[in-house]
Amino acid sequence: VNKLKNENNLEYTTDQIIVSNGAKQSVCNAIMAL
């Protein structure tokens, strides 16, 4: 959350962050969810 705010000027809360087993799983999670 701090990285996104400081480097990207984007505001998120911790419950909007899901950490996964690599960004590959993150992409797949999002596709499977939508």
All heavy atoms as atom14 arrays in JSON, in Angstrom:
{
  "sequence": "VNKLKNENNLEYTTDQIIVSNGAKQSVCNAIMAL",
  "atom14_mask": [
    [1, 1, 1, 1, 1, 1, 1, 0, 0, 0, 0, 0, 0, 0],
    [1, 1, 1, 1, 1, 1, 1, 1, 0, 0, 0, 0, 0, 0],
    [1, 1, 1, 1, 1, 1, 1, 1, 1, 0, 0, 0, 0, 0],
    [1, 1, 1, 1, 1, 1, 1, 1, 0, 0, 0, 0, 0, 0],
    [1, 1, 1, 1, 1, 1, 1, 1, 1, 0, 0, 0, 0, 0],
    [1, 1, 1, 1, 1, 1, 1, 1, 0, 0, 0, 0, 0, 0],
    [1, 1, 1, 1, 1, 1, 1, 1, 1, 0, 0, 0, 0, 0],
    [1, 1, 1, 1, 1, 1, 1, 1, 0, 0, 0, 0, 0, 0],
    [1, 1, 1, 1, 1, 1, 1, 1, 0, 0, 0, 0, 0, 0],
    [1, 1, 1, 1, 1, 1, 1, 1, 0, 0, 0, 0, 0, 0],
    [1, 1, 1, 1, 1, 1, 1, 1, 1, 0, 0, 0, 0, 0],
    [1, 1, 1, 1, 1, 1, 1, 1, 1, 1, 1, 1, 0, 0],
    [1, 1, 1, 1, 1, 1, 1, 0, 0, 0, 0, 0, 0, 0],
    [1, 1, 1, 1, 1, 1, 1, 0, 0, 0, 0, 0, 0, 0],
    [1, 1, 1, 1, 1, 1, 1, 1, 0, 0, 0, 0, 0, 0],
    [1, 1, 1, 1, 1, 1, 1, 1, 1, 0, 0, 0, 0, 0],
    [1, 1, 1, 1, 1, 1, 1, 1, 0, 0, 0, 0, 0, 0],
    [1, 1, 1, 1, 1, 1, 1, 1, 0, 0, 0, 0, 0, 0],
    [1, 1, 1, 1, 1, 1, 1, 0, 0, 0, 0, 0, 0, 0],
    [1, 1, 1, 1, 1, 1, 0, 0, 0, 0, 0, 0, 0, 0],
    [1, 1, 1, 1, 1, 1, 1, 1, 0, 0, 0, 0, 0, 0],
    [1, 1, 1, 1, 0, 0, 0, 0, 0, 0, 0, 0, 0, 0],
    [1, 1, 1, 1, 1, 0, 0, 0, 0, 0, 0, 0, 0, 0],
    [1, 1, 1, 1, 1, 1, 1, 1, 1, 0, 0, 0, 0, 0],
    [1, 1, 1, 1, 1, 1, 1, 1, 1, 0, 0, 0, 0, 0],
    [1, 1, 1, 1, 1, 1, 0, 0, 0, 0, 0, 0, 0, 0],
    [1, 1, 1, 1, 1, 1, 1, 0, 0, 0, 0, 0, 0, 0],
    [1, 1, 1, 1, 1, 1, 0, 0, 0, 0, 0, 0, 0, 0],
    [1, 1, 1, 1, 1, 1, 1, 1, 0, 0, 0, 0, 0, 0],
    [1, 1, 1, 1, 1, 0, 0, 0, 0, 0, 0, 0, 0, 0],
    [1, 1, 1, 1, 1, 1, 1, 1, 0, 0, 0, 0, 0, 0],
    [1, 1, 1, 1, 1, 1, 1, 1, 0, 0, 0, 0, 0, 0],
    [1, 1, 1, 1, 1, 0, 0, 0, 0, 0, 0, 0, 0, 0],
    [1, 1, 1, 1, 1, 1, 1, 1, 0, 0, 0, 0, 0, 0]
  ],
  "atom14_positions": [
    [[0.84, -1.2, 0.0], [0.0, 0.0, 0.0], [0.88, 1.25, 0.0], [0.63, 2.21, -0.76], [-0.95, 0.0, 1.22], [-1.56, 1.38, 1.43], [-2.06, -1.03, 1.02], [0.0, 0.0, 0.0], [0.0, 0.0, 0.0], [0.0, 0.0, 0.0], [0.0, 0.0, 0.0], [0.0, 0.0, 0.0], [0.0, 0.0, 0.0], [0.0, 0.0, 0.0]],
    [[1.92, 1.26, 0.83], [2.82, 2.41, 0.89], [3.58, 2.59, -0.42], [3.77, 3.73, -0.89], [3.82, 2.24, 2.04], [3.16, 2.35, 3.4], [2.07, 2.92, 3.53], [3.79, 1.8, 4.42], [0.0, 0.0, 0.0], [0.0, 0.0, 0.0], [0.0, 0.0, 0.0], [0.0, 0.0, 0.0], [0.0, 0.0, 0.0], [0.0, 0.0, 0.0]],
    [[4.0, 1.48, -1.02], [4.69, 1.56, -2.31], [3.79, 2.18, -3.37], [4.22, 3.06, -4.15], [5.14, 0.16, -2.74], [5.76, 0.1, -4.13], [4.77, -0.46, -5.15], [5.36, -0.58, -6.52], [5.12, 0.51, -7.44], [0.0, 0.0, 0.0], [0.0, 0.0, 0.0], [0.0, 0.0, 0.0], [0.0, 0.0, 0.0], [0.0, 0.0, 0.0]],
    [[2.55, 1.75, -3.43], [1.62, 2.26, -4.45], [1.33, 3.75, -4.24], [1.2, 4.5, -5.22], [0.32, 1.46, -4.41], [0.44, 0.01, -4.93], [-0.77, -0.82, -4.5], [0.59, -0.01, -6.45], [0.0, 0.0, 0.0], [0.0, 0.0, 0.0], [0.0, 0.0, 0.0], [0.0, 0.0, 0.0], [0.0, 0.0, 0.0], [0.0, 0.0, 0.0]],
    [[1.27, 4.16, -2.99], [1.03, 5.59, -2.71], [2.26, 6.42, -3.04], [2.16, 7.46, -3.71], [0.64, 5.78, -1.24], [0.39, 7.24, -0.87], [-0.14, 7.39, 0.54], [-0.27, 8.86, 0.93], [-1.09, 9.64, -0.02], [0.0, 0.0, 0.0], [0.0, 0.0, 0.0], [0.0, 0.0, 0.0], [0.0, 0.0, 0.0], [0.0, 0.0, 0.0]],
    [[3.42, 5.98, -2.58], [4.64, 6.78, -2.72], [5.19, 6.79, -4.14], [5.68, 7.81, -4.61], [5.72, 6.27, -1.76], [5.31, 6.42, -0.3], [4.54, 7.3, 0.04], [5.83, 5.55, 0.55], [0.0, 0.0, 0.0], [0.0, 0.0, 0.0], [0.0, 0.0, 0.0], [0.0, 0.0, 0.0], [0.0, 0.0, 0.0], [0.0, 0.0, 0.0]],
    [[5.1, 5.66, -4.83], [5.69, 5.57, -6.17], [4.69, 5.82, -7.28], [5.07, 6.28, -8.36], [6.32, 4.19, -6.37], [7.53, 3.92, -5.49], [8.23, 2.61, -5.81], [7.73, 1.87, -6.7], [9.27, 2.34, -5.19], [0.0, 0.0, 0.0], [0.0, 0.0, 0.0], [0.0, 0.0, 0.0], [0.0, 0.0, 0.0], [0.0, 0.0, 0.0]],
    [[3.41, 5.51, -7.05], [2.42, 5.58, -8.12], [1.3, 6.57, -7.87], [0.42, 6.75, -8.71], [1.82, 4.19, -8.36], [2.89, 3.13, -8.58], [3.21, 2.36, -7.67], [3.47, 3.1, -9.76], [0.0, 0.0, 0.0], [0.0, 0.0, 0.0], [0.0, 0.0, 0.0], [0.0, 0.0, 0.0], [0.0, 0.0, 0.0], [0.0, 0.0, 0.0]],
    [[1.3, 7.18, -6.66], [0.26, 8.13, -6.29], [-1.14, 7.5, -6.37], [-2.11, 8.13, -6.78], [0.32, 9.39, -7.16], [-0.42, 10.56, -6.55], [-0.53, 10.67, -5.32], [-0.94, 11.44, -7.39], [0.0, 0.0, 0.0], [0.0, 0.0, 0.0], [0.0, 0.0, 0.0], [0.0, 0.0, 0.0], [0.0, 0.0, 0.0], [0.0, 0.0, 0.0]],
    [[-1.23, 6.24, -5.96], [-2.49, 5.5, -5.97], [-2.84, 5.08, -4.55], [-2.0, 4.5, -3.85], [-2.4, 4.27, -6.87], [-2.29, 4.55, -8.38], [-1.93, 3.28, -9.13], [-3.59, 5.14, -8.92], [0.0, 0.0, 0.0], [0.0, 0.0, 0.0], [0.0, 0.0, 0.0], [0.0, 0.0, 0.0], [0.0, 0.0, 0.0], [0.0, 0.0, 0.0]],
    [[-4.06, 5.34, -4.13], [-4.51, 5.04, -2.76], [-5.25, 3.71, -2.72], [-6.25, 3.53, -3.42], [-5.44, 6.16, -2.27], [-4.78, 7.53, -2.18], [-4.09, 7.77, -0.85], [-4.13, 6.87, 0.01], [-3.52, 8.86, -0.68], [0.0, 0.0, 0.0], [0.0, 0.0, 0.0], [0.0, 0.0, 0.0], [0.0, 0.0, 0.0], [0.0, 0.0, 0.0]],
    [[-4.74, 2.8, -1.92], [-5.4, 1.51, -1.68], [-5.4, 1.24, -0.18], [-4.61, 1.8, 0.57], [-4.67, 0.36, -2.4], [-4.84, 0.36, -3.9], [-3.93, 1.01, -4.72], [-5.91, -0.29, -4.49], [-4.08, 1.0, -6.1], [-6.08, -0.31, -5.87], [-5.15, 0.34, -6.67], [-5.31, 0.34, -8.03], [0.0, 0.0, 0.0], [0.0, 0.0, 0.0]],
    [[-6.29, 0.34, 0.23], [-6.27, -0.16, 1.6], [-5.72, -1.58, 1.58], [-5.68, -2.24, 0.53], [-7.69, -0.16, 2.2], [-8.54, -0.98, 1.37], [-8.26, 1.25, 2.26], [0.0, 0.0, 0.0], [0.0, 0.0, 0.0], [0.0, 0.0, 0.0], [0.0, 0.0, 0.0], [0.0, 0.0, 0.0], [0.0, 0.0, 0.0], [0.0, 0.0, 0.0]],
    [[-5.3, -2.07, 2.74], [-4.67, -3.39, 2.77], [-5.62, -4.51, 2.35], [-5.16, -5.53, 1.82], [-4.13, -3.7, 4.18], [-5.17, -3.54, 5.15], [-2.97, -2.78, 4.53], [0.0, 0.0, 0.0], [0.0, 0.0, 0.0], [0.0, 0.0, 0.0], [0.0, 0.0, 0.0], [0.0, 0.0, 0.0], [0.0, 0.0, 0.0], [0.0, 0.0, 0.0]],
    [[-6.93, -4.32, 2.54], [-7.85, -5.38, 2.13], [-8.09, -5.39, 0.62], [-8.79, -6.27, 0.11], [-9.19, -5.31, 2.89], [-9.88, -3.97, 2.77], [-9.32, -3.06, 2.11], [-10.97, -3.82, 3.35], [0.0, 0.0, 0.0], [0.0, 0.0, 0.0], [0.0, 0.0, 0.0], [0.0, 0.0, 0.0], [0.0, 0.0, 0.0], [0.0, 0.0, 0.0]],
    [[-7.49, -4.45, -0.1], [-7.53, -4.47, -1.56], [-6.29, -5.11, -2.16], [-6.15, -5.18, -3.38], [-7.67, -3.04, -2.11], [-9.01, -2.38, -1.81], [-9.06, -0.96, -2.35], [-8.56, -0.02, -1.72], [-9.64, -0.8, -3.52], [0.0, 0.0, 0.0], [0.0, 0.0, 0.0], [0.0, 0.0, 0.0], [0.0, 0.0, 0.0], [0.0, 0.0, 0.0]],
    [[-5.4, -5.59, -1.31], [-4.15, -6.22, -1.74], [-4.22, -7.72, -1.47], [-4.51, -8.13, -0.35], [-2.93, -5.63, -0.99], [-2.92, -4.1, -1.05], [-1.63, -6.23, -1.53], [-2.81, -3.51, -2.43], [0.0, 0.0, 0.0], [0.0, 0.0, 0.0], [0.0, 0.0, 0.0], [0.0, 0.0, 0.0], [0.0, 0.0, 0.0], [0.0, 0.0, 0.0]],
    [[-3.97, -8.53, -2.47], [-3.89, -9.98, -2.3], [-2.51, -10.42, -2.78], [-2.15, -10.24, -3.94], [-4.97, -10.73, -3.11], [-6.37, -10.21, -2.76], [-4.86, -12.24, -2.87], [-6.81, -10.46, -1.34], [0.0, 0.0, 0.0], [0.0, 0.0, 0.0], [0.0, 0.0, 0.0], [0.0, 0.0, 0.0], [0.0, 0.0, 0.0], [0.0, 0.0, 0.0]],
    [[-1.73, -10.98, -1.87], [-0.4, -11.47, -2.19], [-0.5, -12.94, -2.6], [-1.18, -13.73, -1.94], [0.55, -11.32, -0.99], [1.97, -11.76, -1.36], [0.56, -9.87, -0.5], [0.0, 0.0, 0.0], [0.0, 0.0, 0.0], [0.0, 0.0, 0.0], [0.0, 0.0, 0.0], [0.0, 0.0, 0.0], [0.0, 0.0, 0.0], [0.0, 0.0, 0.0]],
    [[0.19, -13.29, -3.69], [0.07, -14.64, -4.25], [1.43, -15.26, -4.48], [2.47, -14.64, -4.25], [-0.71, -14.59, -5.57], [-2.0, -14.05, -5.37], [0.0, 0.0, 0.0], [0.0, 0.0, 0.0], [0.0, 0.0, 0.0], [0.0, 0.0, 0.0], [0.0, 0.0, 0.0], [0.0, 0.0, 0.0], [0.0, 0.0, 0.0], [0.0, 0.0, 0.0]],
    [[1.4, -16.5, -4.96], [2.63, -17.24, -5.24], [3.18, -16.82, -6.6], [3.16, -17.57, -7.57], [2.34, -18.74, -5.23], [1.86, -19.21, -3.87], [2.66, -19.45, -2.98], [0.55, -19.3, -3.7], [0.0, 0.0, 0.0], [0.0, 0.0, 0.0], [0.0, 0.0, 0.0], [0.0, 0.0, 0.0], [0.0, 0.0, 0.0], [0.0, 0.0, 0.0]],
    [[3.67, -15.6, -6.68], [4.17, -15.04, -7.92], [3.1, -14.25, -8.66], [1.9, -14.49, -8.5], [0.0, 0.0, 0.0], [0.0, 0.0, 0.0], [0.0, 0.0, 0.0], [0.0, 0.0, 0.0], [0.0, 0.0, 0.0], [0.0, 0.0, 0.0], [0.0, 0.0, 0.0], [0.0, 0.0, 0.0], [0.0, 0.0, 0.0], [0.0, 0.0, 0.0]],
    [[3.55, -13.3, -9.48], [2.62, -12.48, -10.26], [1.85, -13.32, -11.27], [0.74, -12.95, -11.68], [3.37, -11.35, -10.96], [0.0, 0.0, 0.0], [0.0, 0.0, 0.0], [0.0, 0.0, 0.0], [0.0, 0.0, 0.0], [0.0, 0.0, 0.0], [0.0, 0.0, 0.0], [0.0, 0.0, 0.0], [0.0, 0.0, 0.0], [0.0, 0.0, 0.0]],
    [[2.41, -14.45, -11.65], [1.71, -15.35, -12.58], [0.4, -15.83, -11.97], [-0.64, -15.82, -12.64], [2.62, -16.53, -12.93], [2.16, -17.37, -14.12], [3.26, -18.35, -14.51], [2.98, -18.97, -15.87], [4.12, -19.8, -16.35], [0.0, 0.0, 0.0], [0.0, 0.0, 0.0], [0.0, 0.0, 0.0], [0.0, 0.0, 0.0], [0.0, 0.0, 0.0]],
    [[0.43, -16.23, -10.71], [-0.81, -16.61, -10.04], [-1.73, -15.42, -9.88], [-2.96, -15.56, -9.99], [-0.54, -17.24, -8.67], [-1.84, -17.73, -8.03], [-1.66, -18.3, -6.63], [-0.66, -18.07, -5.97], [-2.65, -19.04, -6.17], [0.0, 0.0, 0.0], [0.0, 0.0, 0.0], [0.0, 0.0, 0.0], [0.0, 0.0, 0.0], [0.0, 0.0, 0.0]],
    [[-1.17, -14.23, -9.65], [-1.99, -13.03, -9.5], [-2.8, -12.77, -10.76], [-3.99, -12.47, -10.7], [-1.1, -11.82, -9.18], [-0.42, -11.99, -7.97], [0.0, 0.0, 0.0], [0.0, 0.0, 0.0], [0.0, 0.0, 0.0], [0.0, 0.0, 0.0], [0.0, 0.0, 0.0], [0.0, 0.0, 0.0], [0.0, 0.0, 0.0], [0.0, 0.0, 0.0]],
    [[-2.16, -12.88, -11.92], [-2.86, -12.7, -13.19], [-3.96, -13.75, -13.33], [-5.11, -13.43, -13.68], [-1.88, -12.79, -14.39], [-2.65, -12.77, -15.71], [-0.88, -11.65, -14.36], [0.0, 0.0, 0.0], [0.0, 0.0, 0.0], [0.0, 0.0, 0.0], [0.0, 0.0, 0.0], [0.0, 0.0, 0.0], [0.0, 0.0, 0.0], [0.0, 0.0, 0.0]],
    [[-3.61, -14.99, -13.05], [-4.58, -16.08, -13.22], [-5.75, -15.93, -12.25], [-6.9, -16.16, -12.63], [-3.87, -17.41, -13.02], [-4.81, -18.82, -13.67], [0.0, 0.0, 0.0], [0.0, 0.0, 0.0], [0.0, 0.0, 0.0], [0.0, 0.0, 0.0], [0.0, 0.0, 0.0], [0.0, 0.0, 0.0], [0.0, 0.0, 0.0], [0.0, 0.0, 0.0]],
    [[-5.47, -15.53, -11.02], [-6.55, -15.29, -10.06], [-7.55, -14.28, -10.6], [-8.77, -14.48, -10.52], [-5.97, -14.74, -8.74], [-5.41, -15.81, -7.83], [-5.6, -17.01, -8.05], [-4.71, -15.38, -6.8], [0.0, 0.0, 0.0], [0.0, 0.0, 0.0], [0.0, 0.0, 0.0], [0.0, 0.0, 0.0], [0.0, 0.0, 0.0], [0.0, 0.0, 0.0]],
    [[-7.04, -13.16, -11.14], [-7.91, -12.1, -11.63], [-8.75, -12.58, -12.81], [-9.95, -12.28, -12.91], [-7.08, -10.88, -12.02], [0.0, 0.0, 0.0], [0.0, 0.0, 0.0], [0.0, 0.0, 0.0], [0.0, 0.0, 0.0], [0.0, 0.0, 0.0], [0.0, 0.0, 0.0], [0.0, 0.0, 0.0], [0.0, 0.0, 0.0], [0.0, 0.0, 0.0]],
    [[-8.13, -13.33, -13.7], [-8.87, -13.86, -14.86], [-9.95, -14.84, -14.4], [-11.1, -14.77, -14.83], [-7.9, -14.53, -15.86], [-7.02, -13.46, -16.52], [-8.67, -15.32, -16.92], [-5.89, -14.03, -17.37], [0.0, 0.0, 0.0], [0.0, 0.0, 0.0], [0.0, 0.0, 0.0], [0.0, 0.0, 0.0], [0.0, 0.0, 0.0], [0.0, 0.0, 0.0]],
    [[-9.58, -15.75, -13.51], [-10.55, -16.75, -13.04], [-11.67, -16.11, -12.24], [-12.81, -16.61, -12.22], [-9.83, -17.79, -12.18], [-8.79, -18.61, -12.91], [-9.47, -19.67, -14.21], [-10.16, -20.99, -13.22], [0.0, 0.0, 0.0], [0.0, 0.0, 0.0], [0.0, 0.0, 0.0], [0.0, 0.0, 0.0], [0.0, 0.0, 0.0], [0.0, 0.0, 0.0]],
    [[-11.4, -14.98, -11.58], [-12.43, -14.31, -10.78], [-13.43, -13.55, -11.63], [-14.58, -13.35, -11.21], [-11.76, -13.35, -9.79], [0.0, 0.0, 0.0], [0.0, 0.0, 0.0], [0.0, 0.0, 0.0], [0.0, 0.0, 0.0], [0.0, 0.0, 0.0], [0.0, 0.0, 0.0], [0.0, 0.0, 0.0], [0.0, 0.0, 0.0], [0.0, 0.0, 0.0]],
    [[-13.03, -13.13, -12.83], [-13.88, -12.24, -13.63], [-14.43, -12.84, -14.91], [-15.49, -12.45, -15.38], [-13.1, -10.96, -13.98], [-12.92, -9.96, -12.85], [-11.87, -8.92, -13.21], [-14.24, -9.28, -12.52], [0.0, 0.0, 0.0], [0.0, 0.0, 0.0], [0.0, 0.0, 0.0], [0.0, 0.0, 0.0], [0.0, 0.0, 0.0], [0.0, 0.0, 0.0]]
  ]
}
